[in-house]
Structures are given as C-alpha cells and as structure tokens.
Amino acid sequence: MPDLTAVLRDAIEKKLSVSATYNGYVREMCPHVLGTKKGKQHCFFFQFAGQSSKGLPAGGEWRCIPLSGLTVHKVYGGPWHTGEGPLEEQTCVDTVDIQVAV
C-alpha cells in the first residue's frame, strides 16, 4: 500500500479526485493543499459528493482533514472541483508541502 502522503501528493499534482473515508463517512474530494498544522499532517480538500456528519451543501464544501483519520480507497480522474476563495487564505495547513497549481 503506497504512503498516504505520496498518494495525495500525486493527486494534487495531477488534479485527481479521491474517494476516502473519514469519521465513518465516504467522501468524494479533490485535495488542494497538503502539509502540517501544529506538526500533524493535514490535507485541505474540496468535498463535492458523498457524506458527512453535518451534511454537504449543494455545490460542495471545503474540508480540513487530518491524515491520521483518513483512508483513501480510490484515486480517479474526472472534473476537478474547487471552491471559492484563494487558497492562500486557508487555515487548515500552516506549513505547506504541496499546493495545487491554479
């Protein structure tokens, strides 16, 4: 099984979507920023489909997810989904390892 950070790095570089489970919910997301926050690995995703504990608004929503609780099942191509607002304003990751090219 490939390293999770390597899988997400590749998805960011190639603008691929991921199907993953976090907190028991299957989510369809596009990773945008990978790095650390307070020394722990996090990824800033745009979730465009799937489930969540709070529901998912029409059109999707930004998600900040620690890698320690994330399981990626599939990486796939297709339309790239993103949200409004510049990535520089995100607070999910304070030390950026890689960020999607916009």
N, C-alpha and C. Protein backbone atom coordinates (compact mmCIF):
# COMPACT_ATOMS: atom_id res chain seq x y z
N MET A 1 0.85 -1.19 0.00
CA MET A 1 0.00 0.00 0.00
C MET A 1 0.88 1.24 0.00
N PRO A 2 0.70 2.13 -0.96
CA PRO A 2 1.52 3.35 -1.02
C PRO A 2 1.27 4.25 0.19
N ASP A 3 2.26 5.05 0.51
CA ASP A 3 2.17 6.02 1.58
C ASP A 3 1.06 7.02 1.27
N LEU A 4 0.24 7.33 2.27
CA LEU A 4 -0.89 8.24 2.07
C LEU A 4 -0.45 9.61 1.58
N THR A 5 0.64 10.13 2.11
CA THR A 5 1.09 11.44 1.65
C THR A 5 1.53 11.39 0.20
N ALA A 6 2.13 10.28 -0.23
CA ALA A 6 2.54 10.13 -1.63
C ALA A 6 1.31 10.07 -2.54
N VAL A 7 0.28 9.36 -2.10
CA VAL A 7 -0.96 9.26 -2.87
C VAL A 7 -1.61 10.63 -3.03
N LEU A 8 -1.68 11.39 -1.94
CA LEU A 8 -2.29 12.72 -2.00
C LEU A 8 -1.44 13.70 -2.78
N ARG A 9 -0.12 13.60 -2.64
CA ARG A 9 0.78 14.47 -3.41
C ARG A 9 0.56 14.26 -4.91
N ASP A 10 0.49 13.00 -5.32
CA ASP A 10 0.27 12.67 -6.73
C ASP A 10 -1.09 13.19 -7.20
N ALA A 11 -2.12 13.04 -6.36
CA ALA A 11 -3.46 13.53 -6.72
C ALA A 11 -3.47 15.05 -6.88
N ILE A 12 -2.74 15.75 -6.02
CA ILE A 12 -2.65 17.21 -6.13
C ILE A 12 -1.92 17.60 -7.41
N GLU A 13 -0.80 16.96 -7.67
CA GLU A 13 -0.01 17.28 -8.87
C GLU A 13 -0.80 17.06 -10.15
N LYS A 14 -1.61 16.00 -10.18
CA LYS A 14 -2.34 15.63 -11.40
C LYS A 14 -3.79 16.09 -11.40
N LYS A 15 -4.21 16.81 -10.34
CA LYS A 15 -5.60 17.26 -10.17
C LYS A 15 -6.58 16.09 -10.32
N LEU A 16 -6.38 15.09 -9.45
CA LEU A 16 -7.24 13.92 -9.42
C LEU A 16 -8.13 13.97 -8.18
N SER A 17 -9.25 13.30 -8.25
CA SER A 17 -10.17 13.19 -7.12
C SER A 17 -9.84 11.96 -6.30
N VAL A 18 -10.28 11.96 -5.05
CA VAL A 18 -10.12 10.79 -4.20
C VAL A 18 -11.46 10.41 -3.59
N SER A 19 -11.65 9.11 -3.44
CA SER A 19 -12.77 8.58 -2.69
C SER A 19 -12.16 8.08 -1.39
N ALA A 20 -12.63 8.61 -0.26
CA ALA A 20 -12.00 8.30 1.02
C ALA A 20 -13.03 8.22 2.13
N THR A 21 -12.62 7.58 3.22
CA THR A 21 -13.46 7.53 4.41
C THR A 21 -12.79 8.34 5.51
N TYR A 22 -13.59 9.19 6.15
CA TYR A 22 -13.15 9.95 7.31
C TYR A 22 -14.31 10.03 8.28
N ASN A 23 -14.06 9.71 9.54
CA ASN A 23 -15.10 9.69 10.58
C ASN A 23 -16.29 8.82 10.20
N GLY A 24 -16.02 7.73 9.49
CA GLY A 24 -17.08 6.79 9.14
C GLY A 24 -17.91 7.17 7.93
N TYR A 25 -17.57 8.28 7.27
CA TYR A 25 -18.33 8.75 6.11
C TYR A 25 -17.48 8.66 4.85
N VAL A 26 -18.08 8.12 3.78
CA VAL A 26 -17.41 8.06 2.49
C VAL A 26 -17.57 9.42 1.82
N ARG A 27 -16.45 9.97 1.36
CA ARG A 27 -16.44 11.32 0.79
C ARG A 27 -15.72 11.31 -0.56
N GLU A 28 -16.23 12.10 -1.47
CA GLU A 28 -15.58 12.30 -2.77
C GLU A 28 -14.99 13.71 -2.72
N MET A 29 -13.66 13.81 -2.89
CA MET A 29 -12.99 15.09 -2.65
C MET A 29 -11.84 15.31 -3.62
N CYS A 30 -11.51 16.58 -3.80
CA CYS A 30 -10.32 16.98 -4.56
C CYS A 30 -9.35 17.62 -3.58
N PRO A 31 -8.15 17.01 -3.41
CA PRO A 31 -7.17 17.59 -2.50
C PRO A 31 -6.52 18.83 -3.11
N HIS A 32 -6.35 19.87 -2.29
CA HIS A 32 -5.78 21.13 -2.77
C HIS A 32 -4.46 21.50 -2.10
N VAL A 33 -4.35 21.26 -0.80
CA VAL A 33 -3.15 21.63 -0.05
C VAL A 33 -2.80 20.49 0.90
N LEU A 34 -1.52 20.09 0.90
CA LEU A 34 -1.03 19.04 1.78
C LEU A 34 0.11 19.61 2.60
N GLY A 35 0.12 19.31 3.88
CA GLY A 35 1.19 19.80 4.74
C GLY A 35 0.91 19.47 6.19
N THR A 36 1.39 20.35 7.08
CA THR A 36 1.19 20.11 8.50
C THR A 36 0.56 21.32 9.18
N LYS A 37 -0.12 21.04 10.27
CA LYS A 37 -0.66 22.09 11.15
C LYS A 37 -0.29 21.67 12.57
N LYS A 38 0.46 22.52 13.23
CA LYS A 38 0.95 22.22 14.58
C LYS A 38 1.65 20.87 14.61
N GLY A 39 2.41 20.56 13.56
CA GLY A 39 3.21 19.34 13.49
C GLY A 39 2.47 18.09 13.06
N LYS A 40 1.16 18.17 12.82
CA LYS A 40 0.40 17.00 12.39
C LYS A 40 -0.02 17.15 10.93
N GLN A 41 0.05 16.05 10.18
CA GLN A 41 -0.26 16.09 8.76
C GLN A 41 -1.75 16.32 8.53
N HIS A 42 -2.05 17.28 7.65
CA HIS A 42 -3.42 17.62 7.27
C HIS A 42 -3.49 17.80 5.76
N CYS A 43 -4.69 17.66 5.23
CA CYS A 43 -4.93 17.97 3.83
C CYS A 43 -6.20 18.82 3.74
N PHE A 44 -6.13 19.83 2.89
CA PHE A 44 -7.27 20.72 2.65
C PHE A 44 -7.93 20.26 1.37
N PHE A 45 -9.14 19.77 1.48
CA PHE A 45 -9.89 19.18 0.37
C PHE A 45 -11.09 20.05 0.03
N PHE A 46 -11.56 19.90 -1.21
CA PHE A 46 -12.89 20.36 -1.55
C PHE A 46 -13.74 19.12 -1.73
N GLN A 47 -14.72 18.92 -0.84
CA GLN A 47 -15.62 17.78 -0.93
C GLN A 47 -16.79 18.14 -1.82
N PHE A 48 -16.98 17.36 -2.89
CA PHE A 48 -18.04 17.65 -3.86
C PHE A 48 -19.17 16.64 -3.85
N ALA A 49 -18.97 15.51 -3.18
CA ALA A 49 -20.02 14.48 -3.12
C ALA A 49 -19.75 13.58 -1.92
N GLY A 50 -20.71 12.72 -1.63
CA GLY A 50 -20.55 11.79 -0.53
C GLY A 50 -21.27 12.27 0.72
N GLN A 51 -20.82 11.78 1.85
CA GLN A 51 -21.50 12.02 3.11
C GLN A 51 -20.63 12.82 4.07
N SER A 52 -21.27 13.36 5.09
CA SER A 52 -20.54 13.98 6.19
C SER A 52 -21.48 14.08 7.38
N SER A 53 -20.92 14.26 8.56
CA SER A 53 -21.75 14.32 9.77
C SER A 53 -22.66 15.54 9.77
N LYS A 54 -22.25 16.61 9.12
CA LYS A 54 -23.03 17.85 9.11
C LYS A 54 -23.82 18.03 7.82
N GLY A 55 -23.74 17.06 6.92
CA GLY A 55 -24.38 17.20 5.62
C GLY A 55 -23.45 17.94 4.66
N LEU A 56 -23.77 17.88 3.42
CA LEU A 56 -22.96 18.53 2.39
C LEU A 56 -23.84 19.51 1.62
N PRO A 57 -23.49 20.79 1.64
CA PRO A 57 -24.29 21.77 0.90
C PRO A 57 -24.24 21.50 -0.60
N ALA A 58 -25.27 21.90 -1.31
CA ALA A 58 -25.26 21.79 -2.77
C ALA A 58 -24.05 22.52 -3.30
N GLY A 59 -23.32 21.91 -4.19
CA GLY A 59 -22.13 22.53 -4.74
C GLY A 59 -20.85 22.16 -4.02
N GLY A 60 -20.96 21.57 -2.82
CA GLY A 60 -19.78 21.12 -2.10
C GLY A 60 -19.32 22.08 -1.02
N GLU A 61 -18.20 21.69 -0.36
CA GLU A 61 -17.68 22.49 0.75
C GLU A 61 -16.23 22.13 1.04
N TRP A 62 -15.47 23.12 1.51
CA TRP A 62 -14.08 22.89 1.92
C TRP A 62 -14.05 22.02 3.17
N ARG A 63 -13.03 21.14 3.25
CA ARG A 63 -12.84 20.28 4.41
C ARG A 63 -11.36 20.26 4.79
N CYS A 64 -11.09 20.39 6.07
CA CYS A 64 -9.74 20.26 6.61
C CYS A 64 -9.69 18.93 7.33
N ILE A 65 -8.88 18.00 6.84
CA ILE A 65 -8.90 16.65 7.38
C ILE A 65 -7.49 16.21 7.79
N PRO A 66 -7.35 15.78 9.06
CA PRO A 66 -6.07 15.22 9.49
C PRO A 66 -5.86 13.85 8.85
N LEU A 67 -4.65 13.59 8.39
CA LEU A 67 -4.39 12.33 7.69
C LEU A 67 -4.49 11.13 8.62
N SER A 68 -4.34 11.35 9.91
CA SER A 68 -4.37 10.24 10.87
C SER A 68 -5.72 9.51 10.86
N GLY A 69 -6.79 10.15 10.45
CA GLY A 69 -8.10 9.51 10.43
C GLY A 69 -8.65 9.24 9.05
N LEU A 70 -7.81 9.40 8.02
CA LEU A 70 -8.26 9.31 6.63
C LEU A 70 -7.83 7.99 5.99
N THR A 71 -8.76 7.36 5.27
CA THR A 71 -8.44 6.17 4.48
C THR A 71 -8.86 6.45 3.04
N VAL A 72 -7.90 6.45 2.13
CA VAL A 72 -8.20 6.67 0.71
C VAL A 72 -8.44 5.31 0.06
N HIS A 73 -9.58 5.20 -0.64
CA HIS A 73 -9.95 3.95 -1.30
C HIS A 73 -9.61 3.97 -2.78
N LYS A 74 -9.73 5.14 -3.39
CA LYS A 74 -9.55 5.21 -4.85
C LYS A 74 -9.12 6.62 -5.22
N VAL A 75 -8.25 6.71 -6.22
CA VAL A 75 -7.85 7.98 -6.83
C VAL A 75 -8.28 7.89 -8.28
N TYR A 76 -8.95 8.94 -8.78
CA TYR A 76 -9.50 8.84 -10.13
C TYR A 76 -9.56 10.21 -10.81
N GLY A 77 -9.62 10.17 -12.13
CA GLY A 77 -9.73 11.38 -12.93
C GLY A 77 -11.18 11.80 -13.08
N GLY A 78 -11.38 12.90 -13.74
CA GLY A 78 -12.72 13.44 -13.94
C GLY A 78 -12.69 14.93 -13.73
N PRO A 79 -13.84 15.56 -13.65
CA PRO A 79 -13.86 17.00 -13.45
C PRO A 79 -13.19 17.38 -12.13
N TRP A 80 -12.42 18.46 -12.16
CA TRP A 80 -11.76 18.98 -10.95
C TRP A 80 -12.74 19.92 -10.25
N HIS A 81 -12.93 19.70 -8.96
CA HIS A 81 -13.85 20.52 -8.18
C HIS A 81 -13.07 21.40 -7.21
N THR A 82 -13.49 22.64 -7.11
CA THR A 82 -12.86 23.57 -6.19
C THR A 82 -13.91 24.55 -5.67
N GLY A 83 -13.56 25.26 -4.62
CA GLY A 83 -14.49 26.20 -4.03
C GLY A 83 -14.03 27.63 -4.22
N GLU A 84 -14.78 28.54 -3.65
CA GLU A 84 -14.45 29.96 -3.77
C GLU A 84 -13.42 30.35 -2.73
N GLY A 85 -12.71 31.42 -3.02
CA GLY A 85 -11.72 31.95 -2.10
C GLY A 85 -10.32 31.49 -2.45
N PRO A 86 -9.35 32.36 -2.28
CA PRO A 86 -7.96 31.99 -2.60
C PRO A 86 -7.40 30.99 -1.60
N LEU A 87 -6.61 30.06 -2.09
CA LEU A 87 -6.01 29.04 -1.23
C LEU A 87 -5.07 29.66 -0.19
N GLU A 88 -4.51 30.82 -0.47
CA GLU A 88 -3.59 31.45 0.47
C GLU A 88 -4.28 31.81 1.78
N GLU A 89 -5.60 31.89 1.77
CA GLU A 89 -6.34 32.25 2.97
C GLU A 89 -6.76 31.04 3.80
N GLN A 90 -6.48 29.82 3.35
CA GLN A 90 -6.85 28.63 4.12
C GLN A 90 -6.05 28.58 5.42
N THR A 91 -6.66 28.03 6.46
CA THR A 91 -6.00 27.91 7.76
C THR A 91 -5.85 26.45 8.19
N CYS A 92 -6.10 25.54 7.28
CA CYS A 92 -6.00 24.11 7.56
C CYS A 92 -4.55 23.65 7.71
N VAL A 93 -3.69 24.20 6.88
CA VAL A 93 -2.29 23.80 6.83
C VAL A 93 -1.44 25.04 7.08
N ASP A 94 -0.56 24.98 8.09
CA ASP A 94 0.31 26.15 8.30
C ASP A 94 1.69 25.99 7.67
N THR A 95 2.12 24.75 7.44
CA THR A 95 3.36 24.51 6.70
C THR A 95 3.00 23.70 5.46
N VAL A 96 3.02 24.33 4.30
CA VAL A 96 2.59 23.71 3.06
C VAL A 96 3.71 22.85 2.47
N ASP A 97 3.37 21.59 2.17
CA ASP A 97 4.28 20.68 1.48
C ASP A 97 4.06 20.81 -0.03
N ILE A 98 2.81 20.77 -0.43
CA ILE A 98 2.45 20.93 -1.84
C ILE A 98 1.06 21.55 -1.93
N GLN A 99 0.87 22.35 -2.95
CA GLN A 99 -0.42 23.01 -3.18
C GLN A 99 -0.75 22.90 -4.65
N VAL A 100 -2.03 22.74 -4.95
CA VAL A 100 -2.45 22.62 -6.34
C VAL A 100 -2.12 23.89 -7.11
N ALA A 101 -1.71 23.72 -8.36
CA ALA A 101 -1.46 24.86 -9.23
C ALA A 101 -2.80 25.35 -9.74
N VAL A 102 -3.06 26.65 -9.56
CA VAL A 102 -4.35 27.20 -10.00
C VAL A 102 -4.17 28.13 -11.17
